Amino acid sequence: MAWRGQLSKNLKELRVLFCQSSPASAQTREFVQKNYKDLKTLNPKLPILIRECSGVEPQLWARFDMGVERGFYLEGLTETQIEKVLEEVTKAGATFKG
């Protein structure tokens, strides 16, 4: 899990969107509750934005160097799968270095 400490080196911003009550967002909510503190501790200067909005589909948005943004839908993914998406996003961020 060494990639967790690389978030701030490869990303400019991380946003997680989900609904506060929908079953579709349940796994994303749980992932945030379990992992936010650790991710923020390892990357204190990285903006990690948590956006809760009624009816929104669970999503993860990453902003990289050179203004590049990528979004990923998280509906139907387990916590493990969400973590894998975040790991892949972090590793992909190295290719956007300007």
Protein backbone atom coordinates (compact mmCIF):
# COMPACT_ATOMS: atom_id res chain seq x y z
CA MET A 1 0.00 0.00 0.00
CA ALA A 2 2.95 2.32 -0.55
CA TRP A 3 0.96 3.97 -3.34
CA ARG A 4 -1.21 5.70 -0.72
CA GLY A 5 1.70 8.01 0.13
CA GLN A 6 2.13 8.86 -3.56
CA LEU A 7 -1.26 10.56 -3.96
CA SER A 8 0.10 14.05 -3.34
CA LYS A 9 3.00 13.49 -5.73
CA ASN A 10 0.82 12.31 -8.62
CA LEU A 11 -2.46 14.21 -8.09
CA LYS A 12 -3.38 17.85 -7.64
CA GLU A 13 -6.83 17.13 -6.20
CA LEU A 14 -9.06 14.18 -5.37
CA ARG A 15 -12.85 14.45 -5.20
CA VAL A 16 -15.26 11.76 -4.05
CA LEU A 17 -18.97 12.28 -4.74
CA PHE A 18 -21.78 10.19 -3.30
CA CYS A 19 -25.33 10.27 -1.97
CA GLN A 20 -25.77 10.35 1.80
CA SER A 21 -28.52 7.74 1.82
CA SER A 22 -28.77 5.74 -1.42
CA PRO A 23 -27.87 2.05 -1.45
CA ALA A 24 -25.82 2.67 -4.64
CA SER A 25 -23.45 4.88 -2.65
CA ALA A 26 -23.17 2.63 0.43
CA GLN A 27 -19.80 1.10 -0.46
CA THR A 28 -18.33 4.49 -1.39
CA ARG A 29 -19.53 6.01 1.91
CA GLU A 30 -17.98 3.11 3.81
CA PHE A 31 -14.71 3.45 1.87
CA VAL A 32 -14.49 7.15 2.75
CA GLN A 33 -15.29 6.52 6.42
CA LYS A 34 -12.60 3.85 6.71
CA ASN A 35 -9.87 5.41 4.56
CA TYR A 36 -10.11 9.22 4.60
CA LYS A 37 -8.08 9.71 7.79
CA ASP A 38 -5.23 7.48 6.60
CA LEU A 39 -5.14 9.06 3.12
CA LYS A 40 -5.14 12.58 4.56
CA THR A 41 -2.46 11.73 7.13
CA LEU A 42 -0.19 10.40 4.38
CA ASN A 43 -0.98 13.34 2.06
CA PRO A 44 -1.63 16.36 4.29
CA LYS A 45 -1.32 18.99 1.54
CA LEU A 46 -3.46 17.20 -1.05
CA PRO A 47 -7.02 18.54 -1.30
CA ILE A 48 -9.27 15.52 -0.75
CA LEU A 49 -12.79 16.78 -1.25
CA ILE A 50 -15.79 14.77 -0.09
CA ARG A 51 -19.02 15.87 -1.75
CA GLU A 52 -22.34 14.49 -0.56
CA CYS A 53 -25.38 15.28 -2.67
CA SER A 54 -28.80 13.68 -2.66
CA GLY A 55 -29.31 11.42 -5.66
CA VAL A 56 -25.80 11.70 -7.12
CA GLU A 57 -24.09 8.58 -8.46
CA PRO A 58 -20.92 7.60 -6.56
CA GLN A 59 -17.87 8.92 -8.41
CA LEU A 60 -14.19 9.56 -7.96
CA TRP A 61 -12.57 12.51 -9.78
CA ALA A 62 -8.84 13.09 -9.98
CA ARG A 63 -7.14 16.27 -11.18
CA PHE A 64 -3.60 15.85 -12.45
CA ASP A 65 -0.86 18.17 -13.71
CA MET A 66 -1.56 20.24 -16.82
CA GLY A 67 -5.26 20.52 -15.93
CA VAL A 68 -6.10 16.94 -16.85
CA GLU A 69 -9.12 15.48 -15.02
CA ARG A 70 -10.45 11.95 -15.03
CA GLY A 71 -13.68 10.67 -13.53
CA PHE A 72 -14.64 7.14 -12.54
CA TYR A 73 -18.07 5.81 -11.61
CA LEU A 74 -18.02 3.71 -8.46
CA GLU A 75 -21.56 2.36 -8.42
CA GLY A 76 -21.62 -1.38 -7.82
CA LEU A 77 -17.97 -1.53 -6.74
CA THR A 78 -16.89 -3.04 -3.44
CA GLU A 79 -14.50 -1.22 -1.08
CA THR A 80 -11.64 -3.34 -2.41
CA GLN A 81 -12.50 -2.44 -5.99
CA ILE A 82 -12.75 1.27 -5.10
CA GLU A 83 -9.31 1.07 -3.51
CA LYS A 84 -7.99 -0.57 -6.69
CA VAL A 85 -9.44 2.28 -8.81
CA LEU A 86 -7.74 4.82 -6.55
CA GLU A 87 -4.45 2.93 -6.77
CA GLU A 88 -4.63 2.86 -10.58
CA VAL A 89 -5.48 6.58 -10.67
CA THR A 90 -2.49 7.33 -8.46
CA LYS A 91 -0.12 5.34 -10.64
CA ALA A 92 -1.56 6.88 -13.83
CA GLY A 93 -0.95 10.35 -12.38
CA ALA A 94 2.78 9.89 -12.84
CA THR A 95 2.27 10.01 -16.63
CA PHE A 96 0.71 13.50 -16.43
CA LYS A 97 3.75 15.13 -14.85
CA GLY A 98 4.56 18.36 -16.62
